[in-house]
C-alpha atoms as a PDB file:
ATOM      1  CA  UNK A   1      -4.892   9.679  -2.578  1.00  0.00           C
ATOM      2  CA  UNK A   2      -7.097  12.081  -0.595  1.00  0.00           C
ATOM      3  CA  UNK A   3      -9.431   9.313   0.580  1.00  0.00           C
ATOM      4  CA  UNK A   4      -6.628   7.244   2.113  1.00  0.00           C
ATOM      5  CA  UNK A   5      -6.435   7.074   5.937  1.00  0.00           C
ATOM      6  CA  UNK A   6      -3.063   8.813   6.245  1.00  0.00           C
ATOM      7  CA  UNK A   7      -3.558  11.317   3.428  1.00  0.00           C
ATOM      8  CA  UNK A   8      -1.939  14.637   4.284  1.00  0.00           C
ATOM      9  CA  UNK A   9       0.191  13.078   7.038  1.00  0.00           C
ATOM     10  CA  UNK A  10       3.985  13.190   7.208  1.00  0.00           C
ATOM     11  CA  UNK A  11       5.962  10.159   8.388  1.00  0.00           C
ATOM     12  CA  UNK A  12       9.673   9.634   8.981  1.00  0.00           C
ATOM     13  CA  UNK A  13      11.151   6.130   9.072  1.00  0.00           C
ATOM     14  CA  UNK A  14      14.743   5.378  10.078  1.00  0.00           C
ATOM     15  CA  UNK A  15      16.563   2.368   8.649  1.00  0.00           C
ATOM     16  CA  UNK A  16      14.216   2.573   5.667  1.00  0.00           C
ATOM     17  CA  UNK A  17      16.482   1.108   2.982  1.00  0.00           C
ATOM     18  CA  UNK A  18      15.621  -2.541   3.646  1.00  0.00           C
ATOM     19  CA  UNK A  19      13.807  -5.001   5.878  1.00  0.00           C
ATOM     20  CA  UNK A  20      11.212  -3.822   8.364  1.00  0.00           C
ATOM     21  CA  UNK A  21      12.006  -0.156   7.796  1.00  0.00           C
ATOM     22  CA  UNK A  22      11.454  -0.426   4.043  1.00  0.00           C
ATOM     23  CA  UNK A  23       8.258  -2.434   4.493  1.00  0.00           C
ATOM     24  CA  UNK A  24       6.927   0.082   7.015  1.00  0.00           C
ATOM     25  CA  UNK A  25       7.732   2.993   4.723  1.00  0.00           C
ATOM     26  CA  UNK A  26       5.941   1.306   1.829  1.00  0.00           C
ATOM     27  CA  UNK A  27       2.889   0.543   3.987  1.00  0.00           C
ATOM     28  CA  UNK A  28       2.756   4.146   5.197  1.00  0.00           C
ATOM     29  CA  UNK A  29       3.015   5.394   1.617  1.00  0.00           C
ATOM     30  CA  UNK A  30       0.236   3.053   0.516  1.00  0.00           C
ATOM     31  CA  UNK A  31      -1.942   4.470   3.314  1.00  0.00           C
ATOM     32  CA  UNK A  32      -1.460   7.983   1.940  1.00  0.00           C
ATOM     33  CA  UNK A  33       1.331   9.419   4.071  1.00  0.00           C
ATOM     34  CA  UNK A  34       4.270  11.272   2.562  1.00  0.00           C
ATOM     35  CA  UNK A  35       7.233   9.294   3.839  1.00  0.00           C
ATOM     36  CA  UNK A  36      10.723  10.600   4.568  1.00  0.00           C
ATOM     37  CA  UNK A  37      13.107   7.679   4.126  1.00  0.00           C
ATOM     38  CA  UNK A  38      16.366   7.753   6.071  1.00  0.00           C
ATOM     39  CA  UNK A  39      19.287   5.306   6.036  1.00  0.00           C
ATOM     40  CA  UNK A  40      22.944   5.292   5.066  1.00  0.00           C
ATOM     41  CA  UNK A  41      22.498   3.337   1.823  1.00  0.00           C
ATOM     42  CA  UNK A  42      21.466   5.692  -0.983  1.00  0.00           C
ATOM     43  CA  UNK A  43      20.809   2.893  -3.483  1.00  0.00           C
ATOM     44  CA  UNK A  44      18.504   1.070  -1.100  1.00  0.00           C
ATOM     45  CA  UNK A  45      16.598   4.245  -0.298  1.00  0.00           C
ATOM     46  CA  UNK A  46      16.132   4.991  -3.991  1.00  0.00           C
ATOM     47  CA  UNK A  47      14.726   1.505  -4.556  1.00  0.00           C
ATOM     48  CA  UNK A  48      12.222   1.928  -1.708  1.00  0.00           C
ATOM     49  CA  UNK A  49      11.288   5.395  -2.953  1.00  0.00           C
ATOM     50  CA  UNK A  50      10.622   3.942  -6.418  1.00  0.00           C
ATOM     51  CA  UNK A  51       8.392   1.218  -4.958  1.00  0.00           C
ATOM     52  CA  UNK A  52       6.429   3.805  -2.951  1.00  0.00           C
ATOM     53  CA  UNK A  53       5.948   5.941  -6.060  1.00  0.00           C
ATOM     54  CA  UNK A  54       5.045   2.937  -8.234  1.00  0.00           C
ATOM     55  CA  UNK A  55       2.291   2.090  -5.752  1.00  0.00           C
ATOM     56  CA  UNK A  56       0.874   5.599  -6.032  1.00  0.00           C
ATOM     57  CA  UNK A  57       2.467   7.028  -2.900  1.00  0.00           C
ATOM     58  CA  UNK A  58       4.963   9.819  -2.296  1.00  0.00           C
ATOM     59  CA  UNK A  59       8.314   9.804  -0.550  1.00  0.00           C
ATOM     60  CA  UNK A  60      11.474  11.815  -0.031  1.00  0.00           C
ATOM     61  CA  UNK A  61      14.860  10.224   0.590  1.00  0.00           C
ATOM     62  CA  UNK A  62      17.245  11.664   3.171  1.00  0.00           C
ATOM     63  CA  UNK A  63      20.494   9.667   3.250  1.00  0.00           C
ATOM     64  CA  UNK A  64      22.304  10.109   6.555  1.00  0.00           C
ATOM     65  CA  UNK A  65      24.367   8.302   9.153  1.00  0.00           C
ATOM     66  CA  UNK A  66      22.512   8.443  12.471  1.00  0.00           C
ATOM     67  CA  UNK A  67      25.794   7.952  14.334  1.00  0.00           C
ATOM     68  CA  UNK A  68      26.739  11.449  13.152  1.00  0.00           C
ATOM     69  CA  UNK A  69      24.722  13.480  15.664  1.00  0.00           C
ATOM     70  CA  UNK A  70      24.937  16.677  13.640  1.00  0.00           C
ATOM     71  CA  UNK A  71      23.218  15.016  10.682  1.00  0.00           C
ATOM     72  CA  UNK A  72      20.024  14.624  12.742  1.00  0.00           C
ATOM     73  CA  UNK A  73      19.895  18.341  13.447  1.00  0.00           C
ATOM     74  CA  UNK A  74      20.413  19.132   9.777  1.00  0.00           C
ATOM     75  CA  UNK A  75      17.618  16.726   8.834  1.00  0.00           C
ATOM     76  CA  UNK A  76      15.212  18.307  11.299  1.00  0.00           C
ATOM     77  CA  UNK A  77      16.064  21.763  10.005  1.00  0.00           C
ATOM     78  CA  UNK A  78      15.407  20.693   6.419  1.00  0.00           C
ATOM     79  CA  UNK A  79      12.125  18.942   7.264  1.00  0.00           C
ATOM     80  CA  UNK A  80      10.793  21.792   9.419  1.00  0.00           C
ATOM     81  CA  UNK A  81      11.602  24.207   6.612  1.00  0.00           C
ATOM     82  CA  UNK A  82       9.210  22.337   4.317  1.00  0.00           C
ATOM     83  CA  UNK A  83       6.528  20.939   6.637  1.00  0.00           C
ATOM     84  CA  UNK A  84       4.831  22.253   9.774  1.00  0.00           C
ATOM     85  CA  UNK A  85       4.193  18.993  11.621  1.00  0.00           C
ATOM     86  CA  UNK A  86       5.490  15.422  11.845  1.00  0.00           C
ATOM     87  CA  UNK A  87       2.694  12.914  12.343  1.00  0.00           C
ATOM     88  CA  UNK A  88       4.607   9.612  12.514  1.00  0.00           C
ATOM     89  CA  UNK A  89       8.152   8.878  13.695  1.00  0.00           C
ATOM     90  CA  UNK A  90       9.260   5.255  13.378  1.00  0.00           C
ATOM     91  CA  UNK A  91      12.487   4.552  15.279  1.00  0.00           C
ATOM     92  CA  UNK A  92      13.579   1.427  13.452  1.00  0.00           C
ATOM     93  CA  UNK A  93      17.281   1.789  12.632  1.00  0.00           C
ATOM     94  CA  UNK A  94      19.517  -0.406  14.790  1.00  0.00           C
ATOM     95  CA  UNK A  95      22.620  -2.540  14.691  1.00  0.00           C
ATOM     96  CA  UNK A  96      22.868  -6.049  16.117  1.00  0.00           C
ATOM     97  CA  UNK A  97      26.559  -5.903  16.926  1.00  0.00           C
ATOM     98  CA  UNK A  98      28.543  -9.042  17.673  1.00  0.00           C
ATOM     99  CA  UNK A  99      26.838 -11.660  19.807  1.00  0.00           C
ATOM    100  CA  UNK A 100      29.204 -12.115  22.728  1.00  0.00           C
ATOM    101  CA  UNK A 101      29.242 -12.862  26.435  1.00  0.00           C
ATOM    102  CA  UNK A 102      29.025  -9.758  28.600  1.00  0.00           C
ATOM    103  CA  UNK A 103      32.713  -9.909  29.672  1.00  0.00           C
ATOM    104  CA  UNK A 104      33.738 -10.268  26.020  1.00  0.00           C
ATOM    105  CA  UNK A 105      31.808  -7.256  24.659  1.00  0.00           C
ATOM    106  CA  UNK A 106      34.151  -5.042  22.647  1.00  0.00           C
ATOM    107  CA  UNK A 107      34.104  -1.551  24.146  1.00  0.00           C
ATOM    108  CA  UNK A 108      34.362   0.343  20.862  1.00  0.00           C
ATOM    109  CA  UNK A 109      31.684  -1.731  19.168  1.00  0.00           C
ATOM    110  CA  UNK A 110      29.443  -1.397  22.238  1.00  0.00           C
ATOM    111  CA  UNK A 111      29.803   2.390  22.165  1.00  0.00           C
ATOM    112  CA  UNK A 112      28.832   2.452  18.489  1.00  0.00           C
ATOM    113  CA  UNK A 113      25.852   0.152  19.129  1.00  0.00           C
ATOM    114  CA  UNK A 114      24.585   2.342  21.958  1.00  0.00           C
ATOM    115  CA  UNK A 115      25.024   5.454  19.825  1.00  0.00           C
ATOM    116  CA  UNK A 116      22.884   4.081  17.002  1.00  0.00           C
ATOM    117  CA  UNK A 117      20.361   2.091  19.048  1.00  0.00           C
ATOM    118  CA  UNK A 118      19.657   4.549  21.866  1.00  0.00           C
ATOM    119  CA  UNK A 119      21.456   7.910  21.532  1.00  0.00           C
ATOM    120  CA  UNK A 120      20.242   8.469  17.950  1.00  0.00           C
ATOM    121  CA  UNK A 121      16.563   7.835  18.822  1.00  0.00           C
ATOM    122  CA  UNK A 122      16.877  10.322  21.698  1.00  0.00           C
ATOM    123  CA  UNK A 123      18.436  12.869  19.343  1.00  0.00           C
ATOM    124  CA  UNK A 124      15.634  12.303  16.816  1.00  0.00           C
ATOM    125  CA  UNK A 125      12.946  12.808  19.460  1.00  0.00           C
ATOM    126  CA  UNK A 126      14.678  15.971  20.650  1.00  0.00           C
ATOM    127  CA  UNK A 127      15.087  17.320  17.118  1.00  0.00           C
ATOM    128  CA  UNK A 128      11.488  16.614  16.072  1.00  0.00           C
ATOM    129  CA  UNK A 129       9.715  17.231  19.389  1.00  0.00           C
ATOM    130  CA  UNK A 130       8.240  20.567  18.297  1.00  0.00           C
ATOM    131  CA  UNK A 131       7.026  19.132  14.975  1.00  0.00           C
ATOM    132  CA  UNK A 132       5.456  16.151  16.761  1.00  0.00           C
ATOM    133  CA  UNK A 133       3.677  18.499  19.172  1.00  0.00           C
ATOM    134  CA  UNK A 134       2.368  20.440  16.163  1.00  0.00           C
ATOM    135  CA  UNK A 135       0.583  17.329  14.862  1.00  0.00           C
ATOM    136  CA  UNK A 136      -3.069  16.716  15.601  1.00  0.00           C
ATOM    137  CA  UNK A 137      -2.348  13.040  16.310  1.00  0.00           C
ATOM    138  CA  UNK A 138       1.352  12.204  16.398  1.00  0.00           C
ATOM    139  CA  UNK A 139       2.664   8.682  16.868  1.00  0.00           C
ATOM    140  CA  UNK A 140       6.191   7.701  17.907  1.00  0.00           C
ATOM    141  CA  UNK A 141       6.882   4.014  17.394  1.00  0.00           C
ATOM    142  CA  UNK A 142      10.007   2.289  18.677  1.00  0.00           C
ATOM    143  CA  UNK A 143      10.963  -1.084  17.207  1.00  0.00           C
ATOM    144  CA  UNK A 144      12.162  -3.418  19.941  1.00  0.00           C
ATOM    145  CA  UNK A 145      13.048  -7.076  20.470  1.00  0.00           C
ATOM    146  CA  UNK A 146      11.975  -9.793  22.884  1.00  0.00           C
ATOM    147  CA  UNK A 147      15.488  -9.763  24.357  1.00  0.00           C
ATOM    148  CA  UNK A 148      14.729  -6.336  25.859  1.00  0.00           C
ATOM    149  CA  UNK A 149      12.567  -7.986  28.516  1.00  0.00           C
ATOM    150  CA  UNK A 150      13.665 -11.627  28.300  1.00  0.00           C
ATOM    151  CA  UNK A 151      17.481 -11.577  28.546  1.00  0.00           C
ATOM    152  CA  UNK A 152      19.273 -14.146  26.414  1.00  0.00           C
ATOM    153  CA  UNK A 153      22.863 -15.362  26.730  1.00  0.00           C
ATOM    154  CA  UNK A 154      25.258 -13.546  24.375  1.00  0.00           C
ATOM    155  CA  UNK A 155      22.618 -10.957  23.477  1.00  0.00           C
ATOM    156  CA  UNK A 156      23.489  -8.624  26.380  1.00  0.00           C
ATOM    157  CA  UNK A 157      24.649  -5.637  24.325  1.00  0.00           C
ATOM    158  CA  UNK A 158      21.741  -5.594  21.861  1.00  0.00           C
ATOM    159  CA  UNK A 159      19.173  -6.494  24.527  1.00  0.00           C
ATOM    160  CA  UNK A 160      20.397  -3.751  26.833  1.00  0.00           C
ATOM    161  CA  UNK A 161      20.085  -1.190  24.059  1.00  0.00           C
ATOM    162  CA  UNK A 162      16.502  -2.256  23.304  1.00  0.00           C
ATOM    163  CA  UNK A 163      15.542  -2.221  26.985  1.00  0.00           C
ATOM    164  CA  UNK A 164      16.925   1.318  27.164  1.00  0.00           C
ATOM    165  CA  UNK A 165      15.023   2.306  24.017  1.00  0.00           C
ATOM    166  CA  UNK A 166      11.737   1.042  25.444  1.00  0.00           C
ATOM    167  CA  UNK A 167      12.289   2.982  28.666  1.00  0.00           C
ATOM    168  CA  UNK A 168      13.354   6.150  26.852  1.00  0.00           C
ATOM    169  CA  UNK A 169      10.411   6.250  24.445  1.00  0.00           C
ATOM    170  CA  UNK A 170       7.886   5.284  27.116  1.00  0.00           C
ATOM    171  CA  UNK A 171       9.223   8.027  29.407  1.00  0.00           C
ATOM    172  CA  UNK A 172       8.795  10.538  26.587  1.00  0.00           C
ATOM    173  CA  UNK A 173       5.229   9.354  26.208  1.00  0.00           C
ATOM    174  CA  UNK A 174       4.584   9.945  29.898  1.00  0.00           C
ATOM    175  CA  UNK A 175       6.059  13.438  29.628  1.00  0.00           C
ATOM    176  CA  UNK A 176       3.895  14.588  26.732  1.00  0.00           C
ATOM    177  CA  UNK A 177       0.650  12.617  26.976  1.00  0.00           C
ATOM    178  CA  UNK A 178      -1.208  15.263  28.994  1.00  0.00           C
ATOM    179  CA  UNK A 179       0.109  18.282  27.095  1.00  0.00           C
ATOM    180  CA  UNK A 180       0.031  17.079  23.493  1.00  0.00           C
ATOM    181  CA  UNK A 181      -1.628  14.602  21.147  1.00  0.00           C
ATOM    182  CA  UNK A 182       1.540  12.495  20.951  1.00  0.00           C
ATOM    183  CA  UNK A 183       1.228   8.791  21.675  1.00  0.00           C
ATOM    184  CA  UNK A 184       4.176   6.428  21.938  1.00  0.00           C
ATOM    185  CA  UNK A 185       4.062   2.740  21.093  1.00  0.00           C
ATOM    186  CA  UNK A 186       6.548  -0.126  21.311  1.00  0.00           C
ATOM    187  CA  UNK A 187       6.478  -2.749  18.551  1.00  0.00           C
ATOM    188  CA  UNK A 188       8.190  -6.133  18.783  1.00  0.00           C
ATOM    189  CA  UNK A 189       8.231  -7.515  15.219  1.00  0.00           C
ATOM    190  CA  UNK A 190       8.937 -11.077  16.350  1.00  0.00           C
ATOM    191  CA  UNK A 191      10.748 -13.480  14.013  1.00  0.00           C
ATOM    192  CA  UNK A 192      10.856 -11.730  10.632  1.00  0.00           C
ATOM    193  CA  UNK A 193      12.738 -12.440   7.406  1.00  0.00           C
ATOM    194  CA  UNK A 194      15.427  -9.746   7.527  1.00  0.00           C
ATOM    195  CA  UNK A 195      19.172  -9.494   6.978  1.00  0.00           C
ATOM    196  CA  UNK A 196      19.696  -8.898  10.710  1.00  0.00           C
ATOM    197  CA  UNK A 197      17.739 -12.046  11.551  1.00  0.00           C
ATOM    198  CA  UNK A 198      19.786 -14.059   9.044  1.00  0.00           C
ATOM    199  CA  UNK A 199      22.994 -12.829  10.627  1.00  0.00           C
ATOM    200  CA  UNK A 200      21.796 -13.722  14.121  1.00  0.00           C
ATOM    201  CA  UNK A 201      20.429 -17.146  13.143  1.00  0.00           C
ATOM    202  CA  UNK A 202      22.473 -18.298  10.125  1.00  0.00           C
ATOM    203  CA  UNK A 203      21.105 -21.848  10.145  1.00  0.00           C
ATOM    204  CA  UNK A 204      17.458 -20.810  10.136  1.00  0.00           C
ATOM    205  CA  UNK A 205      15.241 -21.441   7.117  1.00  0.00           C
ATOM    206  CA  UNK A 206      14.030 -17.963   6.021  1.00  0.00           C
ATOM    207  CA  UNK A 207      10.943 -19.534   4.479  1.00  0.00           C
ATOM    208  CA  UNK A 208       9.673 -20.256   8.006  1.00  0.00           C
ATOM    209  CA  UNK A 209       9.682 -16.547   8.921  1.00  0.00           C
ATOM    210  CA  UNK A 210       7.074 -13.891   8.209  1.00  0.00           C
ATOM    211  CA  UNK A 211       7.625 -11.297   5.500  1.00  0.00           C
ATOM    212  CA  UNK A 212       8.565  -7.773   6.678  1.00  0.00           C
ATOM    213  CA  UNK A 213       5.406  -6.567   4.897  1.00  0.00           C
ATOM    214  CA  UNK A 214       3.376  -8.171   7.697  1.00  0.00           C
ATOM    215  CA  UNK A 215       5.172  -5.967  10.213  1.00  0.00           C
ATOM    216  CA  UNK A 216       4.831  -2.869   8.029  1.00  0.00           C
ATOM    217  CA  UNK A 217       1.078  -3.317   7.800  1.00  0.00           C
ATOM    218  CA  UNK A 218       0.875  -3.959  11.548  1.00  0.00           C
ATOM    219  CA  UNK A 219       2.599  -0.600  12.090  1.00  0.00           C
ATOM    220  CA  UNK A 220       0.021   1.210   9.966  1.00  0.00           C
ATOM    221  CA  UNK A 221      -2.834  -0.611  11.697  1.00  0.00           C
ATOM    222  CA  UNK A 222      -1.421   0.457  15.073  1.00  0.00           C
ATOM    223  CA  UNK A 223      -1.098   4.084  13.960  1.00  0.00           C
ATOM    224  CA  UNK A 224      -4.715   4.087  12.810  1.00  0.00           C
ATOM    225  CA  UNK A 225      -5.960   2.400  15.994  1.00  0.00           C
ATOM    226  CA  UNK A 226      -7.060   4.045  19.233  1.00  0.00           C
ATOM    227  CA  UNK A 227      -4.506   2.151  21.286  1.00  0.00           C
ATOM    228  CA  UNK A 228      -3.475   4.084  24.402  1.00  0.00           C
ATOM    229  CA  UNK A 229      -0.134   5.734  24.935  1.00  0.00           C
ATOM    230  CA  UNK A 230       2.564   3.242  25.860  1.00  0.00           C
ATOM    231  CA  UNK A 231       0.864   0.304  24.145  1.00  0.00           C
ATOM    232  CA  UNK A 232       3.278  -2.588  23.512  1.00  0.00           C
ATOM    233  CA  UNK A 233       2.443  -4.640  20.434  1.00  0.00           C
ATOM    234  CA  UNK A 234       4.028  -7.916  19.386  1.00  0.00           C
ATOM    235  CA  UNK A 235       3.503  -8.895  15.771  1.00  0.00           C
ATOM    236  CA  UNK A 236       2.746 -12.630  15.562  1.00  0.00           C
END
């Protein structure tokens, strides 16, 4: 494992129990990183952990609900007690919510969506900021959607949360780029075969969509690249 490009690096992936998060975690593990897998679903995390190990990688599962703000602090405390630096933070976990017109958005559901899609990433950045600064080449990657910059009818709630996420992570990048080695990147996976995509487009043939593994590998390629801070990458 020592000759792999991310050997000795520590990565944390949210929403790692399935879809793009799982594929990214597996790609990071295959590249040599030790991957901390977070999600609510213990069974899904264990399956991803087993696949990482079967491929020769290493991973640690950390089941948690990102909507519970205190759980993020506990995670950071546990991770910092074992490792000195965090080299990769992939902010992938998100909820689609109900597709509805802006006047019809349910207030309680909207609050929950904003908590998971934007407040939790901010809390993660805050909790791991010192560990990211301790890395020789940290990367923070936020997973976005085309609706963040190209508004679509009935996608107002989700699109607004992704627009906010892009702004938040990019602002963090601006704050730290001259005083640390941290770089922030925005990744738009494009149409990918995931459970969220199936829910949003129930009539779509999944066979016409790219495998999440394509996105996972694109993430690793981006991390290993010399792309500048704030680089926005769409996976075709």
